[in-house]
Amino acid sequence: MSKRSELYGGHVAEILATQRIAVQWTRSADSTAWRHRRCIKVRRVVCPATYAYALHEIGHIIGPYQSEIRFVTEIGAWLYARQEAIYWSRMMTRTCTECLDSYHARYSSILSAKLPVASDSIWQEALDTLGYTPQHQTNGGH
């Protein structure tokens, strides 16, 4: 494991310990967070991608916007990951953007989903912090 990977893993371990968040390590690409149980399930942190995903899942526990609709919770978790990361690479930005595009496509196709409208400040924060603009900006799913 590289020194940078050790640094990333140590950073995640420190956050988990100080925030009293439990972790279940998995070999699966699927990661998740259980906010009310204060537990995440992620791959071991061995590279920038697994570091970004671990921070993202931690963001679902302690990040901003976690009481909002699902798509907004995803933005909030990525905002947390970006803001807390020791280092954020272009690859991590690409991972974040691809995930947000996937979430946006999924939730905008559900008629009952109420996505933020184009004028909502969440979009500006996503653009300013994450460099993210949805491919097909919505008017709130109405």
N, C-alpha and C. Protein backbone atom coordinates (compact mmCIF):
# COMPACT_ATOMS: atom_id res chain seq x y z
N MET A 1 0.86 -1.17 0.00
CA MET A 1 0.00 0.00 0.00
C MET A 1 0.91 1.23 0.00
N SER A 2 0.53 2.25 -0.78
CA SER A 2 1.34 3.47 -0.88
C SER A 2 1.17 4.33 0.37
N LYS A 3 2.10 5.26 0.54
CA LYS A 3 2.02 6.19 1.68
C LYS A 3 0.75 7.01 1.62
N ARG A 4 0.36 7.43 0.41
CA ARG A 4 -0.87 8.22 0.26
C ARG A 4 -2.08 7.38 0.68
N SER A 5 -2.13 6.13 0.27
CA SER A 5 -3.24 5.25 0.65
C SER A 5 -3.28 5.05 2.16
N GLU A 6 -2.11 4.91 2.77
CA GLU A 6 -2.06 4.79 4.23
C GLU A 6 -2.58 6.06 4.90
N LEU A 7 -2.23 7.21 4.32
CA LEU A 7 -2.72 8.49 4.83
C LEU A 7 -4.25 8.57 4.72
N TYR A 8 -4.79 8.17 3.55
CA TYR A 8 -6.24 8.16 3.35
C TYR A 8 -6.93 7.23 4.35
N GLY A 9 -6.40 6.02 4.48
CA GLY A 9 -6.99 5.06 5.41
C GLY A 9 -6.95 5.55 6.84
N GLY A 10 -5.85 6.16 7.22
CA GLY A 10 -5.73 6.72 8.56
C GLY A 10 -6.70 7.86 8.80
N HIS A 11 -6.90 8.68 7.78
CA HIS A 11 -7.85 9.79 7.89
C HIS A 11 -9.27 9.26 8.11
N VAL A 12 -9.67 8.28 7.32
CA VAL A 12 -11.00 7.68 7.47
C VAL A 12 -11.13 7.05 8.84
N ALA A 13 -10.12 6.31 9.29
CA ALA A 13 -10.16 5.67 10.61
C ALA A 13 -10.32 6.72 11.72
N GLU A 14 -9.64 7.83 11.58
CA GLU A 14 -9.73 8.91 12.57
C GLU A 14 -11.14 9.49 12.63
N ILE A 15 -11.73 9.74 11.46
CA ILE A 15 -13.10 10.27 11.43
C ILE A 15 -14.07 9.27 12.06
N LEU A 16 -13.94 8.00 11.67
CA LEU A 16 -14.82 6.96 12.22
C LEU A 16 -14.72 6.91 13.74
N ALA A 17 -13.50 7.00 14.25
CA ALA A 17 -13.31 6.92 15.71
C ALA A 17 -13.85 8.16 16.41
N THR A 18 -13.51 9.33 15.91
CA THR A 18 -13.93 10.56 16.60
C THR A 18 -15.44 10.79 16.49
N GLN A 19 -16.03 10.33 15.41
CA GLN A 19 -17.48 10.52 15.22
C GLN A 19 -18.29 9.31 15.70
N ARG A 20 -17.58 8.30 16.21
CA ARG A 20 -18.23 7.07 16.71
C ARG A 20 -19.14 6.44 15.66
N ILE A 21 -18.54 6.21 14.51
CA ILE A 21 -19.24 5.57 13.40
C ILE A 21 -18.65 4.18 13.23
N ALA A 22 -19.51 3.18 13.21
CA ALA A 22 -19.07 1.79 13.01
C ALA A 22 -18.85 1.56 11.51
N VAL A 23 -18.02 0.59 11.20
CA VAL A 23 -17.77 0.26 9.79
C VAL A 23 -17.83 -1.25 9.60
N GLN A 24 -18.40 -1.63 8.48
CA GLN A 24 -18.37 -3.02 8.01
C GLN A 24 -17.56 -2.99 6.72
N TRP A 25 -16.43 -3.68 6.71
CA TRP A 25 -15.61 -3.74 5.51
C TRP A 25 -16.21 -4.78 4.56
N THR A 26 -16.20 -4.48 3.29
CA THR A 26 -16.77 -5.38 2.29
C THR A 26 -15.82 -5.50 1.11
N ARG A 27 -15.96 -6.55 0.36
CA ARG A 27 -15.22 -6.70 -0.90
C ARG A 27 -16.08 -6.26 -2.07
N SER A 28 -17.34 -6.07 -1.80
CA SER A 28 -18.31 -5.66 -2.82
C SER A 28 -18.10 -4.20 -3.22
N ALA A 29 -18.45 -3.87 -4.44
CA ALA A 29 -18.38 -2.47 -4.89
C ALA A 29 -19.52 -1.65 -4.28
N ASP A 30 -20.53 -2.33 -3.75
CA ASP A 30 -21.65 -1.62 -3.14
C ASP A 30 -21.26 -1.08 -1.78
N SER A 31 -21.51 0.20 -1.58
CA SER A 31 -21.28 0.79 -0.27
C SER A 31 -22.59 1.43 0.18
N THR A 32 -22.74 1.54 1.48
CA THR A 32 -23.98 2.10 2.01
C THR A 32 -23.73 2.70 3.39
N ALA A 33 -24.71 3.46 3.83
CA ALA A 33 -24.66 4.05 5.17
C ALA A 33 -26.01 3.86 5.83
N TRP A 34 -25.98 3.58 7.12
CA TRP A 34 -27.19 3.52 7.93
C TRP A 34 -27.07 4.65 8.95
N ARG A 35 -27.70 5.75 8.63
CA ARG A 35 -27.55 6.98 9.42
C ARG A 35 -27.93 6.79 10.89
N HIS A 36 -29.09 6.20 11.13
CA HIS A 36 -29.57 6.08 12.50
C HIS A 36 -28.79 5.05 13.32
N ARG A 37 -28.16 4.11 12.64
CA ARG A 37 -27.29 3.14 13.31
C ARG A 37 -25.85 3.66 13.41
N ARG A 38 -25.57 4.78 12.72
CA ARG A 38 -24.21 5.35 12.66
C ARG A 38 -23.21 4.28 12.21
N CYS A 39 -23.51 3.69 11.07
CA CYS A 39 -22.70 2.61 10.53
C CYS A 39 -22.59 2.75 9.02
N ILE A 40 -21.41 2.46 8.48
CA ILE A 40 -21.23 2.44 7.04
C ILE A 40 -20.69 1.09 6.62
N LYS A 41 -20.92 0.73 5.35
CA LYS A 41 -20.35 -0.47 4.76
C LYS A 41 -19.60 -0.03 3.51
N VAL A 42 -18.29 -0.23 3.50
CA VAL A 42 -17.45 0.22 2.40
C VAL A 42 -16.29 -0.74 2.19
N ARG A 43 -15.63 -0.59 1.04
CA ARG A 43 -14.38 -1.30 0.81
C ARG A 43 -13.29 -0.68 1.67
N ARG A 44 -12.27 -1.44 1.95
CA ARG A 44 -11.11 -0.89 2.66
C ARG A 44 -10.51 0.23 1.82
N VAL A 45 -9.99 1.24 2.48
CA VAL A 45 -9.43 2.40 1.80
C VAL A 45 -8.01 2.06 1.34
N VAL A 46 -7.85 1.87 0.03
CA VAL A 46 -6.55 1.51 -0.54
C VAL A 46 -6.15 2.39 -1.71
N CYS A 47 -7.04 3.31 -2.12
CA CYS A 47 -6.76 4.16 -3.27
C CYS A 47 -7.67 5.39 -3.20
N PRO A 48 -7.47 6.37 -4.07
CA PRO A 48 -8.31 7.57 -4.03
C PRO A 48 -9.81 7.28 -4.18
N ALA A 49 -10.17 6.32 -5.02
CA ALA A 49 -11.59 6.02 -5.22
C ALA A 49 -12.23 5.47 -3.95
N THR A 50 -11.58 4.52 -3.29
CA THR A 50 -12.17 3.95 -2.07
C THR A 50 -12.17 4.99 -0.95
N TYR A 51 -11.21 5.90 -0.96
CA TYR A 51 -11.18 7.01 0.00
C TYR A 51 -12.39 7.92 -0.22
N ALA A 52 -12.64 8.27 -1.48
CA ALA A 52 -13.78 9.15 -1.80
C ALA A 52 -15.09 8.49 -1.41
N TYR A 53 -15.25 7.20 -1.73
CA TYR A 53 -16.48 6.50 -1.38
C TYR A 53 -16.67 6.41 0.13
N ALA A 54 -15.59 6.15 0.87
CA ALA A 54 -15.69 6.07 2.33
C ALA A 54 -16.12 7.42 2.90
N LEU A 55 -15.49 8.50 2.44
CA LEU A 55 -15.88 9.83 2.91
C LEU A 55 -17.34 10.14 2.55
N HIS A 56 -17.75 9.74 1.35
CA HIS A 56 -19.13 9.94 0.92
C HIS A 56 -20.10 9.24 1.87
N GLU A 57 -19.82 7.99 2.21
CA GLU A 57 -20.72 7.26 3.10
C GLU A 57 -20.71 7.88 4.50
N ILE A 58 -19.56 8.32 4.97
CA ILE A 58 -19.51 9.05 6.25
C ILE A 58 -20.37 10.31 6.14
N GLY A 59 -20.33 10.95 4.99
CA GLY A 59 -21.16 12.14 4.75
C GLY A 59 -22.64 11.87 4.92
N HIS A 60 -23.06 10.65 4.63
CA HIS A 60 -24.48 10.30 4.85
C HIS A 60 -24.81 10.25 6.34
N ILE A 61 -23.82 10.08 7.18
CA ILE A 61 -24.04 10.04 8.62
C ILE A 61 -23.96 11.44 9.22
N ILE A 62 -22.94 12.21 8.85
CA ILE A 62 -22.69 13.50 9.52
C ILE A 62 -22.62 14.71 8.58
N GLY A 63 -22.86 14.48 7.30
CA GLY A 63 -22.76 15.57 6.33
C GLY A 63 -24.02 16.43 6.26
N PRO A 64 -23.97 17.47 5.43
CA PRO A 64 -25.11 18.38 5.27
C PRO A 64 -26.24 17.76 4.44
N TYR A 65 -27.42 18.28 4.61
CA TYR A 65 -28.61 17.93 3.80
C TYR A 65 -29.09 16.50 3.97
N GLN A 66 -28.78 15.85 5.06
CA GLN A 66 -29.14 14.44 5.21
C GLN A 66 -30.59 14.22 5.64
N SER A 67 -31.32 15.30 5.88
CA SER A 67 -32.75 15.16 6.19
C SER A 67 -33.61 15.57 4.99
N GLU A 68 -32.98 15.76 3.85
CA GLU A 68 -33.67 16.21 2.64
C GLU A 68 -34.09 15.01 1.80
N ILE A 69 -34.64 15.28 0.61
CA ILE A 69 -34.98 14.19 -0.31
C ILE A 69 -33.72 13.46 -0.75
N ARG A 70 -33.89 12.26 -1.23
CA ARG A 70 -32.76 11.36 -1.51
C ARG A 70 -31.68 11.98 -2.39
N PHE A 71 -32.05 12.59 -3.50
CA PHE A 71 -31.03 13.15 -4.39
C PHE A 71 -30.21 14.22 -3.68
N VAL A 72 -30.87 15.04 -2.87
CA VAL A 72 -30.16 16.10 -2.15
C VAL A 72 -29.24 15.50 -1.08
N THR A 73 -29.65 14.37 -0.48
CA THR A 73 -28.74 13.73 0.49
C THR A 73 -27.47 13.25 -0.20
N GLU A 74 -27.60 12.83 -1.46
CA GLU A 74 -26.42 12.39 -2.21
C GLU A 74 -25.49 13.57 -2.46
N ILE A 75 -26.04 14.71 -2.85
CA ILE A 75 -25.22 15.91 -3.04
C ILE A 75 -24.53 16.26 -1.72
N GLY A 76 -25.29 16.24 -0.63
CA GLY A 76 -24.73 16.58 0.67
C GLY A 76 -23.60 15.65 1.08
N ALA A 77 -23.75 14.37 0.81
CA ALA A 77 -22.70 13.41 1.16
C ALA A 77 -21.44 13.66 0.33
N TRP A 78 -21.61 13.99 -0.95
CA TRP A 78 -20.44 14.32 -1.78
C TRP A 78 -19.82 15.65 -1.36
N LEU A 79 -20.64 16.61 -0.97
CA LEU A 79 -20.09 17.88 -0.47
C LEU A 79 -19.23 17.62 0.77
N TYR A 80 -19.72 16.79 1.67
CA TYR A 80 -18.94 16.43 2.86
C TYR A 80 -17.62 15.79 2.44
N ALA A 81 -17.69 14.81 1.54
CA ALA A 81 -16.48 14.10 1.11
C ALA A 81 -15.46 15.08 0.55
N ARG A 82 -15.90 15.96 -0.31
CA ARG A 82 -14.99 16.93 -0.94
C ARG A 82 -14.37 17.88 0.08
N GLN A 83 -15.20 18.34 1.00
CA GLN A 83 -14.72 19.31 1.98
C GLN A 83 -13.80 18.70 3.03
N GLU A 84 -13.98 17.43 3.34
CA GLU A 84 -13.18 16.77 4.38
C GLU A 84 -11.94 16.08 3.85
N ALA A 85 -11.87 15.86 2.55
CA ALA A 85 -10.74 15.13 1.97
C ALA A 85 -9.42 15.86 2.20
N ILE A 86 -8.40 15.11 2.52
CA ILE A 86 -7.06 15.65 2.64
C ILE A 86 -6.59 16.13 1.27
N TYR A 87 -6.91 15.35 0.27
CA TYR A 87 -6.53 15.64 -1.11
C TYR A 87 -7.68 15.19 -1.99
N TRP A 88 -8.00 15.96 -3.02
CA TRP A 88 -9.09 15.62 -3.94
C TRP A 88 -8.55 15.68 -5.36
N SER A 89 -8.57 14.58 -6.04
CA SER A 89 -7.99 14.49 -7.38
C SER A 89 -9.05 14.65 -8.47
N ARG A 90 -8.58 14.78 -9.70
CA ARG A 90 -9.51 14.84 -10.84
C ARG A 90 -10.30 13.54 -10.95
N MET A 91 -9.64 12.42 -10.66
CA MET A 91 -10.34 11.14 -10.70
C MET A 91 -11.47 11.09 -9.67
N MET A 92 -11.23 11.66 -8.50
CA MET A 92 -12.26 11.69 -7.46
C MET A 92 -13.41 12.59 -7.90
N THR A 93 -13.11 13.70 -8.54
CA THR A 93 -14.15 14.58 -9.08
C THR A 93 -14.97 13.84 -10.13
N ARG A 94 -14.29 13.09 -11.00
CA ARG A 94 -14.99 12.32 -12.04
C ARG A 94 -15.89 11.26 -11.41
N THR A 95 -15.40 10.58 -10.38
CA THR A 95 -16.21 9.58 -9.68
C THR A 95 -17.46 10.23 -9.10
N CYS A 96 -17.28 11.35 -8.43
CA CYS A 96 -18.39 12.09 -7.83
C CYS A 96 -19.40 12.50 -8.89
N THR A 97 -18.92 13.07 -9.98
CA THR A 97 -19.80 13.56 -11.06
C THR A 97 -20.57 12.41 -11.69
N GLU A 98 -19.89 11.29 -11.95
CA GLU A 98 -20.57 10.13 -12.53
C GLU A 98 -21.66 9.60 -11.60
N CYS A 99 -21.37 9.56 -10.31
CA CYS A 99 -22.38 9.11 -9.34
C CYS A 99 -23.56 10.07 -9.32
N LEU A 100 -23.28 11.37 -9.27
CA LEU A 100 -24.38 12.35 -9.23
C LEU A 100 -25.21 12.31 -10.51
N ASP A 101 -24.56 12.12 -11.66
CA ASP A 101 -25.31 11.98 -12.91
C ASP A 101 -26.24 10.76 -12.85
N SER A 102 -25.72 9.67 -12.29
CA SER A 102 -26.52 8.45 -12.16
C SER A 102 -27.71 8.69 -11.23
N TYR A 103 -27.45 9.32 -10.07
CA TYR A 103 -28.54 9.61 -9.14
C TYR A 103 -29.56 10.53 -9.79
N HIS A 104 -29.09 11.55 -10.50
CA HIS A 104 -29.99 12.52 -11.12
C HIS A 104 -30.88 11.84 -12.15
N ALA A 105 -30.29 10.99 -12.98
CA ALA A 105 -31.08 10.27 -13.99
C ALA A 105 -32.12 9.37 -13.32
N ARG A 106 -31.69 8.68 -12.26
CA ARG A 106 -32.60 7.77 -11.57
C ARG A 106 -33.77 8.51 -10.95
N TYR A 107 -33.47 9.59 -10.22
CA TYR A 107 -34.53 10.27 -9.47
C TYR A 107 -35.38 11.19 -10.34
N SER A 108 -34.83 11.70 -11.42
CA SER A 108 -35.64 12.55 -12.29
C SER A 108 -36.61 11.71 -13.12
N SER A 109 -36.34 10.41 -13.26
CA SER A 109 -37.25 9.54 -14.02
C SER A 109 -38.42 9.05 -13.17
N ILE A 110 -38.34 9.26 -11.87
CA ILE A 110 -39.43 8.86 -10.97
C ILE A 110 -40.38 10.04 -10.86
N LEU A 111 -41.59 9.88 -11.33
CA LEU A 111 -42.52 11.01 -11.37
C LEU A 111 -42.75 11.67 -10.03
N SER A 112 -42.72 10.90 -8.97
CA SER A 112 -42.99 11.48 -7.66
C SER A 112 -41.77 12.17 -7.05
N ALA A 113 -40.62 12.02 -7.68
CA ALA A 113 -39.41 12.65 -7.14
C ALA A 113 -39.52 14.16 -7.26
N LYS A 114 -39.14 14.83 -6.23
CA LYS A 114 -39.14 16.29 -6.21
C LYS A 114 -37.69 16.75 -6.15
N LEU A 115 -37.09 16.90 -7.30
CA LEU A 115 -35.71 17.35 -7.35
C LEU A 115 -35.65 18.85 -7.13
N PRO A 116 -34.52 19.35 -6.68
CA PRO A 116 -34.40 20.81 -6.50
C PRO A 116 -34.61 21.52 -7.84
N VAL A 117 -35.21 22.69 -7.79
CA VAL A 117 -35.40 23.47 -9.01
C VAL A 117 -34.08 24.13 -9.37
N ALA A 118 -33.96 24.54 -10.62
CA ALA A 118 -32.71 25.09 -11.14
C ALA A 118 -32.20 26.27 -10.32
N SER A 119 -33.10 27.03 -9.72
CA SER A 119 -32.69 28.22 -8.97
C SER A 119 -32.28 27.92 -7.53
N ASP A 120 -32.47 26.69 -7.05
CA ASP A 120 -32.13 26.36 -5.66
C ASP A 120 -30.63 26.47 -5.41
N SER A 121 -30.29 26.94 -4.22
CA SER A 121 -28.89 27.15 -3.86
C SER A 121 -28.08 25.85 -3.84
N ILE A 122 -28.74 24.70 -3.69
CA ILE A 122 -28.02 23.43 -3.68
C ILE A 122 -27.26 23.23 -4.99
N TRP A 123 -27.85 23.65 -6.12
CA TRP A 123 -27.16 23.51 -7.40
C TRP A 123 -25.91 24.38 -7.44
N GLN A 124 -26.00 25.60 -6.91
CA GLN A 124 -24.84 26.48 -6.91
C GLN A 124 -23.73 25.92 -6.03
N GLU A 125 -24.12 25.36 -4.88
CA GLU A 125 -23.12 24.75 -4.00
C GLU A 125 -22.48 23.54 -4.66
N ALA A 126 -23.29 22.74 -5.36
CA ALA A 126 -22.76 21.57 -6.06
C ALA A 126 -21.79 22.01 -7.16
N LEU A 127 -22.12 23.09 -7.86
CA LEU A 127 -21.24 23.60 -8.91
C LEU A 127 -19.95 24.17 -8.31
N ASP A 128 -20.10 25.01 -7.30
CA ASP A 128 -18.93 25.68 -6.70
C ASP A 128 -17.98 24.71 -6.02
N THR A 129 -18.50 23.75 -5.29
CA THR A 129 -17.66 22.85 -4.50
C THR A 129 -17.27 21.59 -5.26
N LEU A 130 -18.21 21.04 -6.02
CA LEU A 130 -17.97 19.76 -6.68
C LEU A 130 -17.71 19.88 -8.18
N GLY A 131 -17.97 21.06 -8.74
CA GLY A 131 -17.85 21.22 -10.19
C GLY A 131 -18.96 20.49 -10.92
N TYR A 132 -20.09 20.29 -10.23
CA TYR A 132 -21.18 19.48 -10.79
C TYR A 132 -22.34 20.33 -11.27
N THR A 133 -22.74 20.10 -12.50
CA THR A 133 -23.98 20.62 -13.05
C THR A 133 -24.70 19.44 -13.68
N PRO A 134 -25.96 19.19 -13.32
CA PRO A 134 -26.65 18.04 -13.91
C PRO A 134 -26.75 18.19 -15.42
N GLN A 135 -26.66 17.08 -16.11
CA GLN A 135 -26.70 17.11 -17.57
C GLN A 135 -28.01 17.68 -18.08
N HIS A 136 -29.09 17.37 -17.40
CA HIS A 136 -30.41 17.89 -17.78
C HIS A 136 -31.00 18.52 -16.55
N GLN A 137 -30.71 19.81 -16.35
CA GLN A 137 -31.20 20.45 -15.13
C GLN A 137 -32.73 20.46 -15.13
N THR A 138 -33.26 20.26 -13.97
CA THR A 138 -34.70 20.08 -13.81
C THR A 138 -35.38 21.32 -13.30
N ASN A 139 -36.66 21.35 -13.44
CA ASN A 139 -37.48 22.39 -12.82
C ASN A 139 -38.26 21.81 -11.66
N GLY A 140 -37.70 20.85 -11.02
CA GLY A 140 -38.27 20.32 -9.80
C GLY A 140 -39.13 19.09 -9.98
N GLY A 141 -39.11 18.48 -11.16
CA GLY A 141 -39.88 17.27 -11.36
C GLY A 141 -41.37 17.52 -11.46
N HIS A 142 -41.77 18.77 -11.64
CA HIS A 142 -43.19 19.11 -11.72
C HIS A 142 -43.70 19.00 -13.13
